[in-house]
C-alpha atoms as a PDB file:
ATOM      1  CA  MET A   1      49.531  12.560  59.936  1.00  0.00           C
ATOM      2  CA  GLU A   2      51.960  15.183  59.406  1.00  0.00           C
ATOM      3  CA  TYR A   3      52.915  14.083  55.839  1.00  0.00           C
ATOM      4  CA  ALA A   4      49.128  13.672  55.105  1.00  0.00           C
ATOM      5  CA  ILE A   5      48.703  17.300  55.957  1.00  0.00           C
ATOM      6  CA  LEU A   6      51.357  18.086  53.441  1.00  0.00           C
ATOM      7  CA  PHE A   7      50.277  15.933  50.532  1.00  0.00           C
ATOM      8  CA  LEU A   8      46.442  15.690  50.723  1.00  0.00           C
ATOM      9  CA  PRO A   9      45.995  18.934  48.826  1.00  0.00           C
ATOM     10  CA  LEU A  10      48.321  18.069  46.139  1.00  0.00           C
ATOM     11  CA  ILE A  11      46.777  14.784  45.649  1.00  0.00           C
ATOM     12  CA  GLY A  12      43.222  16.346  45.824  1.00  0.00           C
ATOM     13  CA  SER A  13      44.381  18.884  43.007  1.00  0.00           C
ATOM     14  CA  ILE A  14      45.703  16.065  40.849  1.00  0.00           C
ATOM     15  CA  LEU A  15      42.653  13.939  41.376  1.00  0.00           C
ATOM     16  CA  GLY A  16      40.669  17.166  40.628  1.00  0.00           C
ATOM     17  CA  TYR A  17      42.547  17.911  37.620  1.00  0.00           C
ATOM     18  CA  PHE A  18      42.346  14.401  36.006  1.00  0.00           C
ATOM     19  CA  GLY A  19      38.578  13.904  37.275  1.00  0.00           C
ATOM     20  CA  ARG A  20      37.154  16.693  35.443  1.00  0.00           C
ATOM     21  CA  SER A  21      36.390  14.963  32.569  1.00  0.00           C
ATOM     22  CA  PHE A  22      33.970  13.113  34.692  1.00  0.00           C
ATOM     23  CA  THR A  23      31.859  15.907  35.844  1.00  0.00           C
ATOM     24  CA  LYS A  24      32.312  19.406  36.890  1.00  0.00           C
ATOM     25  CA  PHE A  25      31.211  18.610  40.407  1.00  0.00           C
ATOM     26  CA  PHE A  26      33.632  15.680  40.912  1.00  0.00           C
ATOM     27  CA  SER A  27      36.850  17.959  40.800  1.00  0.00           C
ATOM     28  CA  GLU A  28      35.014  20.329  42.944  1.00  0.00           C
ATOM     29  CA  ILE A  29      34.108  18.009  45.482  1.00  0.00           C
ATOM     30  CA  THR A  30      37.228  15.925  45.439  1.00  0.00           C
ATOM     31  CA  THR A  31      39.645  19.189  45.935  1.00  0.00           C
ATOM     32  CA  THR A  32      37.458  20.346  48.793  1.00  0.00           C
ATOM     33  CA  VAL A  33      37.343  17.290  50.902  1.00  0.00           C
ATOM     34  CA  PHE A  34      41.101  16.733  50.613  1.00  0.00           C
ATOM     35  CA  VAL A  35      41.532  20.469  51.639  1.00  0.00           C
ATOM     36  CA  THR A  36      39.411  20.041  54.453  1.00  0.00           C
ATOM     37  CA  ILE A  37      40.504  16.528  55.652  1.00  0.00           C
ATOM     38  CA  SER A  38      44.024  18.262  55.517  1.00  0.00           C
ATOM     39  CA  ALA A  39      42.865  21.498  57.610  1.00  0.00           C
ATOM     40  CA  ILE A  40      41.180  19.172  60.201  1.00  0.00           C
ATOM     41  CA  LEU A  41      44.360  17.274  60.610  1.00  0.00           C
ATOM     42  CA  SER A  42      46.188  20.528  60.915  1.00  0.00           C
ATOM     43  CA  ILE A  43      44.133  21.743  63.898  1.00  0.00           C
ATOM     44  CA  ILE A  44      44.639  18.621  65.494  1.00  0.00           C
ATOM     45  CA  VAL A  45      48.212  18.773  65.259  1.00  0.00           C
ATOM     46  CA  PHE A  46      48.212  22.381  66.411  1.00  0.00           C
ATOM     47  CA  TRP A  47      46.066  21.179  69.508  1.00  0.00           C
ATOM     48  CA  ASN A  48      48.514  18.322  70.521  1.00  0.00           C
ATOM     49  CA  GLY A  49      51.134  20.787  70.396  1.00  0.00           C
ATOM     50  CA  LEU A  50      49.600  23.294  72.752  1.00  0.00           C
ATOM     51  CA  GLU A  51      48.060  20.832  75.256  1.00  0.00           C
ATOM     52  CA  LYS A  52      50.708  17.943  75.050  1.00  0.00           C
ATOM     53  CA  LYS A  53      53.594  19.938  73.985  1.00  0.00           C
ATOM     54  CA  ASN A  54      54.179  17.316  71.521  1.00  0.00           C
ATOM     55  CA  TYR A  55      56.492  18.984  68.867  1.00  0.00           C
ATOM     56  CA  SER A  56      58.637  17.133  66.115  1.00  0.00           C
ATOM     57  CA  ASN A  57      60.548  17.709  62.836  1.00  0.00           C
ATOM     58  CA  HIS A  58      59.706  15.529  59.792  1.00  0.00           C
ATOM     59  CA  LEU A  59      62.483  15.285  57.233  1.00  0.00           C
ATOM     60  CA  ILE A  60      60.487  15.457  54.043  1.00  0.00           C
ATOM     61  CA  LEU A  61      63.009  15.948  51.185  1.00  0.00           C
ATOM     62  CA  GLU A  62      66.534  15.384  51.976  1.00  0.00           C
ATOM     63  CA  TRP A  63      68.130  17.268  48.976  1.00  0.00           C
ATOM     64  CA  VAL A  64      66.832  20.632  50.060  1.00  0.00           C
ATOM     65  CA  ASN A  65      69.598  22.006  52.153  1.00  0.00           C
END
């Protein structure tokens, strides 16, 4: 879920950029949906951290040191 929070807006922007040739509304709806899903997942992760003290670290890119 944490990786989805990070990469859903990126995927949404890429799909929105390449999908703008379909219609104008496709890119607007696509980017909005992906960012909204990412925000909802962020709230869920934040709530789990507050309620269950469920914290963790995730390695995303190993070469960034």
